Amino acid sequence: MDFEALVKHIGTIQHTLQSQAAHAVNLALTARNWLMGYYIVEFEQKGEDRATYGENLLKRLEQRLKIKGLNERRFREFRRLYIIYPQLKDPITQYITSQIQIRQSLTSEFTEPIRRLATAESKNGGWELSTKHPQTETWMIPADRLFNRLSSTHLNTISGIDNPVKRAFYEMEAIRGCWSVKELERQIASLYYERSGLSKNKEALSALVRQQATLLQPKDIINTPVTLEFLGLNERALITENDLEQSILDNLQHFLLEMGHGFCFEARQKRILIDDNYFFADLIFYHRILKCHVIVELKIDKFRHEYASQLNMYLNYFKAEVMQPDDNPPIGILLCTDKGDTLVKYATAGLDPNIFVQKYMIELPSEEELKKFIMEIED
């Protein structure tokens, strides 16, 4: 064996076992989501005290459990996953049963309900929903393929599609093309299903899509907020920054605090969940004199119009979700290495005027001070 063979063997081992780890995490996530959906539907149909909770059930679950990543919206998604994919019963119960055999230390409080699921035939329980998806339909994707080939995020995305034929189309294409979730979302947004129906050469269109598609990689499953929450890992593992950006963020945080104009540091790489997308705001301060949040976004390149839009989105989010009744509207500071005044003018027209803090500059670092700070860091 020569050196090149050694490199090849180690690379193969890394990729193979990383893929295996990603697959194992994905199976556990899908099983968890589906089982939670099952129990929610089961309670809504047959729970002894279900009338007490009514429409507030999912919110009450969130408040009672207080588990990071499990909120009302997620529970609603889990319920939808079960309702749309009751046929996952068999592969999931087989998976859970195999895990129980491996981990005999699990209590009967958990194992008994799973054993019941594997043999459930009640017409009054949740399993009656499975009759809505006859397995005899030729266009249906087999349940074991859905469970083993599509990630929990893929299934969550596709389950939001109302048309069952359209769902099956994207299930098939995602499996066949080994799409990443972003690729799946892009194809749905670009109306691939509708375009395929109108195309005279469907195979040619499918081949073109597969050629241009972004393929699923193990890191796409492992390095996601949902997976990190599920595994109880630090969400900072998601953040990847180059040395210059890291240095500026480290020093900018201290710089603003040392300015002494009322800055109170609140968060760094503040995670914001909007719909199914995670965003990270670089630095969050609360200004005790202005009585408002200050959001600082740092970009290690020239100003681009989408940067202003992103910061504007953060400001709107803070107004709706974070701002207290006695707070003033949040302020946004956008730092770039360079900018074109005309592009800035057009890109910010109609956006929140607080992005450029003209009204509050008396209490904030001046533009000259910020420029001097950036130049010192770069030197």
Protein backbone atom coordinates (compact mmCIF):
# COMPACT_ATOMS: atom_id res chain seq x y z
CA MET A 1 0.00 0.00 0.00
CA ASP A 2 1.45 3.38 -1.01
CA PHE A 3 0.63 6.84 0.39
CA GLU A 4 -2.08 7.56 -2.19
CA ALA A 5 -3.82 4.30 -1.27
CA LEU A 6 -3.64 5.27 2.42
CA VAL A 7 -5.25 8.64 1.65
CA LYS A 8 -7.97 6.92 -0.36
CA HIS A 9 -8.73 4.36 2.37
CA ILE A 10 -8.94 6.96 5.15
CA GLY A 11 -11.11 9.24 3.01
CA THR A 12 -13.45 6.36 2.22
CA ILE A 13 -13.70 5.37 5.89
CA GLN A 14 -14.49 8.97 6.91
CA HIS A 15 -17.20 9.42 4.28
CA THR A 16 -18.77 5.99 4.83
CA LEU A 17 -19.00 6.20 8.61
CA GLN A 18 -20.06 9.84 8.55
CA SER A 19 -22.86 8.87 6.18
CA GLN A 20 -23.81 6.03 8.50
CA ALA A 21 -23.89 8.38 11.50
CA ALA A 22 -26.00 10.90 9.59
CA HIS A 23 -28.41 8.16 8.51
CA ALA A 24 -28.75 6.88 12.09
CA VAL A 25 -29.51 10.38 13.40
CA ASN A 26 -32.04 10.91 10.62
CA LEU A 27 -33.90 7.68 11.34
CA ALA A 28 -34.14 8.58 15.02
CA LEU A 29 -35.44 12.08 14.20
CA THR A 30 -38.08 10.79 11.78
CA ALA A 31 -39.21 8.16 14.29
CA ARG A 32 -39.39 10.74 17.06
CA ASN A 33 -41.38 13.24 15.01
CA TRP A 34 -43.83 10.63 13.71
CA LEU A 35 -44.37 9.01 17.12
CA MET A 36 -45.02 12.38 18.74
CA GLY A 37 -47.51 13.11 15.97
CA TYR A 38 -49.19 9.76 16.61
CA TYR A 39 -49.58 10.40 20.34
CA ILE A 40 -50.90 13.91 19.75
CA VAL A 41 -53.57 12.59 17.35
CA GLU A 42 -54.30 9.71 19.72
CA PHE A 43 -54.87 12.15 22.58
CA GLU A 44 -57.00 14.48 20.46
CA GLN A 45 -59.24 11.53 19.50
CA LYS A 46 -59.36 9.54 22.72
CA GLY A 47 -57.67 11.50 25.53
CA GLU A 48 -59.62 11.33 28.77
CA ASP A 49 -59.17 15.04 29.48
CA ARG A 50 -58.82 16.26 25.89
CA ALA A 51 -61.76 18.66 26.25
CA THR A 52 -59.83 20.55 28.93
CA TYR A 53 -57.09 21.54 26.50
CA GLY A 54 -58.94 21.87 23.19
CA GLU A 55 -57.20 24.18 20.73
CA ASN A 56 -54.54 25.07 23.31
CA LEU A 57 -53.19 21.52 23.49
CA LEU A 58 -50.00 22.12 21.49
CA LYS A 59 -49.21 25.37 23.26
CA ARG A 60 -49.73 23.71 26.63
CA LEU A 61 -47.43 20.88 25.55
CA GLU A 62 -44.70 23.40 24.71
CA GLN A 63 -45.11 25.16 28.05
CA ARG A 64 -45.14 21.96 30.06
CA LEU A 65 -42.25 20.13 28.35
CA LYS A 66 -39.88 23.09 27.95
CA ILE A 67 -37.62 21.07 25.65
CA LYS A 68 -35.42 23.10 23.33
CA GLY A 69 -36.62 22.81 19.75
CA LEU A 70 -40.06 21.45 20.66
CA ASN A 71 -42.64 24.17 20.30
CA GLU A 72 -46.23 24.58 19.14
CA ARG A 73 -45.25 24.87 15.49
CA ARG A 74 -43.10 21.75 15.63
CA PHE A 75 -45.87 19.76 17.29
CA ARG A 76 -48.21 20.87 14.53
CA GLU A 77 -45.70 19.63 11.96
CA PHE A 78 -45.37 16.29 13.77
CA ARG A 79 -49.14 15.84 13.76
CA ARG A 80 -49.23 16.61 10.05
CA LEU A 81 -46.42 14.13 9.41
CA TYR A 82 -48.40 11.34 11.07
CA ILE A 83 -51.65 12.22 9.31
CA ILE A 84 -49.98 12.41 5.89
CA TYR A 85 -47.75 9.36 6.38
CA PRO A 86 -49.57 6.80 8.54
CA GLN A 87 -47.98 4.11 6.36
CA LEU A 88 -44.69 4.79 8.17
CA LYS A 89 -46.11 2.78 11.06
CA ASP A 90 -44.42 -0.50 10.03
CA PRO A 91 -40.85 0.71 9.35
CA ILE A 92 -40.89 2.96 12.41
CA THR A 93 -42.18 0.29 14.79
CA GLN A 94 -39.61 -2.13 13.38
CA TYR A 95 -36.90 0.47 13.92
CA ILE A 96 -38.03 1.27 17.47
CA THR A 97 -38.36 -2.43 18.31
CA SER A 98 -34.80 -3.06 17.14
CA GLN A 99 -33.57 -0.17 19.28
CA ILE A 100 -35.43 -1.55 22.29
CA GLN A 101 -33.75 -4.90 21.82
CA ILE A 102 -30.39 -3.14 21.76
CA ARG A 103 -31.21 -0.99 24.79
CA GLN A 104 -32.91 -3.33 27.22
CA SER A 105 -32.57 -0.68 29.93
CA LEU A 106 -35.55 1.24 28.54
CA THR A 107 -38.51 1.16 30.90
CA SER A 108 -41.80 -0.60 30.18
CA GLU A 109 -43.46 2.81 30.37
CA PHE A 110 -41.96 3.44 26.93
CA THR A 111 -41.69 -0.07 25.49
CA GLU A 112 -45.28 -1.11 26.17
CA PRO A 113 -46.88 1.65 24.06
CA ILE A 114 -44.47 0.79 21.22
CA ARG A 115 -45.39 -2.88 21.47
CA ARG A 116 -49.03 -1.84 21.27
CA LEU A 117 -48.34 0.21 18.14
CA ALA A 118 -46.85 -2.78 16.37
CA THR A 119 -50.06 -4.77 16.77
CA ALA A 120 -52.63 -1.96 16.78
CA GLU A 121 -55.82 -2.70 14.85
CA SER A 122 -58.31 -0.47 16.65
CA LYS A 123 -60.78 1.22 14.30
CA ASN A 124 -61.35 3.98 16.82
CA GLY A 125 -57.69 4.85 17.33
CA GLY A 126 -55.16 6.75 15.28
CA TRP A 127 -54.44 3.83 12.97
CA GLU A 128 -57.75 4.16 11.17
CA LEU A 129 -56.12 6.99 9.22
CA SER A 130 -53.94 4.47 7.37
CA THR A 131 -56.91 3.42 5.26
CA LYS A 132 -56.72 6.77 3.51
CA HIS A 133 -53.50 5.72 1.80
CA PRO A 134 -54.03 2.32 0.14
CA GLN A 135 -50.72 0.62 -0.50
CA THR A 136 -52.12 -0.87 -3.71
CA GLU A 137 -51.72 2.43 -5.54
CA THR A 138 -48.88 2.01 -8.01
CA TRP A 139 -47.70 5.62 -7.67
CA MET A 140 -47.20 5.33 -3.94
CA ILE A 141 -43.62 5.24 -2.67
CA PRO A 142 -43.12 2.19 -0.39
CA ALA A 143 -43.07 3.18 3.28
CA ASP A 144 -39.66 1.65 3.97
CA ARG A 145 -38.11 3.71 1.17
CA LEU A 146 -39.65 6.89 2.54
CA PHE A 147 -38.31 6.13 6.00
CA ASN A 148 -34.84 5.08 4.91
CA ARG A 149 -34.18 7.40 1.98
CA LEU A 150 -35.73 10.74 2.97
CA SER A 151 -34.62 12.78 5.97
CA SER A 152 -37.06 14.09 8.56
CA THR A 153 -36.68 17.57 7.03
CA HIS A 154 -37.45 16.23 3.55
CA LEU A 155 -40.60 14.56 4.87
CA ASN A 156 -41.63 17.67 6.77
CA THR A 157 -41.24 19.79 3.62
CA ILE A 158 -43.13 17.37 1.38
CA SER A 159 -45.92 16.75 3.91
CA GLY A 160 -46.87 20.41 3.53
CA ILE A 161 -48.05 19.68 -0.04
CA ASP A 162 -51.80 19.01 -0.19
CA ASN A 163 -51.96 17.09 -3.48
CA PRO A 164 -51.00 13.41 -2.83
CA VAL A 165 -49.83 12.86 -6.43
CA LYS A 166 -47.66 15.95 -6.24
CA ARG A 167 -46.25 14.71 -2.94
CA ALA A 168 -45.42 11.34 -4.50
CA PHE A 169 -43.73 13.10 -7.42
CA TYR A 170 -41.38 15.05 -5.14
CA GLU A 171 -40.78 11.98 -2.96
CA MET A 172 -39.71 10.02 -6.03
CA GLU A 173 -37.56 12.80 -7.50
CA ALA A 174 -35.87 13.60 -4.17
CA ILE A 175 -35.00 9.93 -3.68
CA ARG A 176 -33.91 9.38 -7.27
CA GLY A 177 -31.86 12.55 -7.42
CA CYS A 178 -30.54 12.35 -3.83
CA TRP A 179 -31.57 15.99 -3.38
CA SER A 180 -30.58 18.13 -0.45
CA VAL A 181 -33.46 19.82 1.37
CA LYS A 182 -32.52 23.18 -0.16
CA GLU A 183 -32.65 21.58 -3.61
CA LEU A 184 -36.06 20.09 -2.84
CA GLU A 185 -37.35 23.48 -1.70
CA ARG A 186 -35.89 25.11 -4.82
CA GLN A 187 -37.59 22.61 -7.13
CA ILE A 188 -40.95 23.05 -5.37
CA ALA A 189 -40.60 26.84 -5.57
CA SER A 190 -39.70 26.65 -9.27
CA LEU A 191 -42.85 24.55 -9.96
CA TYR A 192 -40.93 21.51 -11.20
CA TYR A 193 -44.03 19.30 -10.81
CA GLU A 194 -46.15 21.68 -12.88
CA ARG A 195 -43.39 22.14 -15.47
CA SER A 196 -43.04 18.39 -15.76
CA GLY A 197 -46.75 18.08 -16.46
CA LEU A 198 -46.52 20.63 -19.27
CA SER A 199 -43.28 19.31 -20.74
CA LYS A 200 -43.48 17.11 -23.83
CA ASN A 201 -40.18 15.42 -22.95
CA LYS A 202 -40.48 14.66 -19.26
CA GLU A 203 -37.43 12.41 -19.10
CA ALA A 204 -35.23 15.09 -20.65
CA LEU A 205 -36.47 17.63 -18.10
CA SER A 206 -35.89 15.15 -15.26
CA ALA A 207 -32.38 14.42 -16.50
CA LEU A 208 -31.59 18.14 -16.71
CA VAL A 209 -32.85 18.71 -13.16
CA ARG A 210 -30.78 15.81 -11.82
CA GLN A 211 -27.70 17.14 -13.60
CA GLN A 212 -28.08 20.61 -12.04
CA ALA A 213 -29.29 19.50 -8.60
CA THR A 214 -27.38 19.99 -5.35
CA LEU A 215 -26.87 16.54 -3.87
CA LEU A 216 -27.45 15.58 -0.24
CA GLN A 217 -24.29 15.26 1.85
CA PRO A 218 -23.91 13.80 5.38
CA LYS A 219 -23.12 17.25 6.77
CA ASP A 220 -26.51 18.48 5.53
CA ILE A 221 -28.16 16.18 8.06
CA ILE A 222 -25.65 16.36 10.90
CA ASN A 223 -24.95 20.11 10.91
CA THR A 224 -28.48 21.49 11.23
CA PRO A 225 -30.18 23.32 14.12
CA VAL A 226 -32.86 20.63 14.49
CA THR A 227 -30.26 17.84 14.73
CA LEU A 228 -28.16 19.77 17.22
CA GLU A 229 -31.23 20.40 19.38
CA PHE A 230 -32.20 16.74 19.15
CA LEU A 231 -28.71 15.59 20.18
CA GLY A 232 -28.40 18.25 22.87
CA LEU A 233 -25.32 19.83 21.27
CA ASN A 234 -24.23 23.45 21.44
CA GLU A 235 -25.76 25.43 18.58
CA ARG A 236 -22.48 27.32 18.22
CA ALA A 237 -21.29 24.25 16.31
CA LEU A 238 -23.31 25.65 13.42
CA ILE A 239 -21.30 28.84 13.15
CA THR A 240 -18.40 28.84 10.73
CA GLU A 241 -16.44 32.09 10.41
CA ASN A 242 -13.09 32.95 8.89
CA ASP A 243 -10.31 34.32 11.09
CA LEU A 244 -10.81 37.95 10.08
CA GLU A 245 -14.54 37.90 10.73
CA GLN A 246 -14.00 36.14 14.06
CA SER A 247 -11.41 38.71 15.09
CA ILE A 248 -13.61 41.66 14.16
CA LEU A 249 -16.63 40.21 15.97
CA ASP A 250 -14.54 39.56 19.08
CA ASN A 251 -13.17 43.09 19.11
CA LEU A 252 -16.34 44.82 17.99
CA GLN A 253 -18.19 43.39 20.95
CA HIS A 254 -15.61 44.88 23.34
CA PHE A 255 -15.38 48.10 21.32
CA LEU A 256 -19.08 48.85 21.62
CA LEU A 257 -19.15 47.96 25.30
CA GLU A 258 -16.14 50.19 25.98
CA MET A 259 -17.81 53.11 24.21
CA GLY A 260 -19.82 53.49 27.40
CA HIS A 261 -22.94 54.86 25.70
CA GLY A 262 -25.35 52.50 27.42
CA PHE A 263 -24.63 49.29 25.52
CA CYS A 264 -25.58 46.10 27.35
CA PHE A 265 -24.39 42.95 25.57
CA GLU A 266 -27.20 40.45 25.07
CA ALA A 267 -26.29 37.82 22.47
CA ARG A 268 -23.81 36.82 19.79
CA GLN A 269 -24.88 34.88 16.69
CA LYS A 270 -28.44 35.19 17.95
CA ARG A 271 -30.44 32.41 16.32
CA ILE A 272 -33.73 33.48 14.77
CA LEU A 273 -36.25 30.93 13.50
CA ILE A 274 -38.62 32.20 10.79
CA ASP A 275 -40.87 29.59 9.18
CA ASP A 276 -38.48 26.64 8.68
CA ASN A 277 -35.36 28.76 8.24
CA TYR A 278 -32.69 29.64 10.78
CA PHE A 279 -30.88 32.99 10.64
CA PHE A 280 -28.05 34.29 12.83
CA ALA A 281 -27.72 37.94 13.80
CA ASP A 282 -24.08 38.75 14.56
CA LEU A 283 -24.37 40.86 17.72
CA ILE A 284 -27.34 41.92 19.82
CA PHE A 285 -27.14 44.70 22.40
CA TYR A 286 -29.74 46.45 24.51
CA HIS A 287 -29.22 50.19 24.85
CA ARG A 288 -30.36 51.27 28.30
CA ILE A 289 -30.47 54.99 27.43
CA LEU A 290 -32.33 54.66 24.14
CA LYS A 291 -34.36 51.74 25.56
CA CYS A 292 -34.11 49.64 22.43
CA HIS A 293 -32.24 46.70 20.95
CA VAL A 294 -29.25 47.35 18.69
CA ILE A 295 -28.58 44.69 16.04
CA VAL A 296 -25.09 44.72 14.54
CA GLU A 297 -24.47 42.85 11.27
CA LEU A 298 -20.91 42.47 10.03
CA LYS A 299 -20.15 41.63 6.39
CA ILE A 300 -16.59 40.97 5.26
CA ASP A 301 -17.18 42.27 1.74
CA LYS A 302 -18.68 45.17 -0.19
CA PHE A 303 -22.27 46.28 0.49
CA ARG A 304 -24.91 44.23 -1.34
CA HIS A 305 -28.61 45.02 -1.48
CA GLU A 306 -29.60 41.75 0.23
CA TYR A 307 -27.64 42.75 3.35
CA ALA A 308 -29.95 45.70 3.96
CA SER A 309 -32.98 43.48 3.35
CA GLN A 310 -31.70 40.90 5.82
CA LEU A 311 -31.09 43.48 8.53
CA ASN A 312 -34.52 44.97 7.87
CA MET A 313 -36.01 41.51 8.38
CA TYR A 314 -34.24 41.22 11.75
CA LEU A 315 -35.63 44.61 12.80
CA ASN A 316 -39.17 43.57 11.85
CA TYR A 317 -38.72 40.29 13.74
CA PHE A 318 -37.58 42.09 16.89
CA LYS A 319 -40.51 44.50 16.64
CA ALA A 320 -43.01 41.66 16.43
CA GLU A 321 -41.44 39.01 18.68
CA VAL A 322 -38.97 40.62 21.08
CA MET A 323 -39.78 44.28 21.66
CA GLN A 324 -41.59 45.06 24.93
CA PRO A 325 -44.42 47.64 25.19
CA ASP A 326 -42.15 50.24 26.79
CA ASP A 327 -39.27 49.68 24.33
CA ASN A 328 -38.40 51.93 21.41
CA PRO A 329 -38.07 50.34 17.95
CA PRO A 330 -34.82 48.43 17.41
CA ILE A 331 -31.81 49.90 15.62
CA GLY A 332 -29.70 48.21 12.96
CA ILE A 333 -26.00 48.79 12.29
CA LEU A 334 -24.64 47.28 9.08
CA LEU A 335 -20.84 47.21 8.70
CA CYS A 336 -19.31 46.44 5.30
CA THR A 337 -15.78 46.81 3.93
CA ASP A 338 -16.99 49.17 1.20
CA LYS A 339 -20.20 50.60 -0.22
CA GLY A 340 -21.55 52.39 -3.25
CA ASP A 341 -23.69 55.33 -2.16
CA THR A 342 -26.14 54.98 -5.05
CA LEU A 343 -26.67 51.27 -4.41
CA VAL A 344 -27.19 51.97 -0.70
CA LYS A 345 -29.70 54.69 -1.57
CA TYR A 346 -31.77 52.44 -3.81
CA ALA A 347 -31.41 49.32 -1.64
CA THR A 348 -32.60 51.05 1.52
CA ALA A 349 -35.40 53.17 0.06
CA GLY A 350 -38.59 52.26 1.86
CA LEU A 351 -36.86 50.16 4.51
CA ASP A 352 -36.78 50.84 8.23
CA PRO A 353 -35.05 54.24 8.71
CA ASN A 354 -33.38 52.91 11.86
CA ILE A 355 -31.04 50.76 9.80
CA PHE A 356 -28.69 53.70 9.46
CA VAL A 357 -29.41 55.09 12.92
CA GLN A 358 -29.56 58.70 11.77
CA LYS A 359 -31.98 59.62 14.54
CA TYR A 360 -29.92 58.03 17.30
CA MET A 361 -26.33 58.73 16.23
CA ILE A 362 -25.83 61.06 19.17
CA GLU A 363 -25.88 58.07 21.50
CA LEU A 364 -24.09 55.61 19.20
CA PRO A 365 -20.48 55.41 17.94
CA SER A 366 -19.93 57.86 15.11
CA GLU A 367 -19.25 56.67 11.58
CA GLU A 368 -15.66 57.91 11.91
CA GLU A 369 -15.16 55.90 15.09
CA LEU A 370 -16.50 52.75 13.45
CA LYS A 371 -14.30 53.25 10.38
CA LYS A 372 -11.24 53.78 12.58
CA PHE A 373 -12.04 50.62 14.49
CA ILE A 374 -12.35 48.54 11.31
CA MET A 375 -9.07 49.93 9.93
CA GLU A 376 -7.23 49.09 13.17
CA ILE A 377 -8.51 45.51 13.09
CA GLU A 378 -7.49 45.05 9.44
CA ASP A 379 -4.02 46.39 10.18
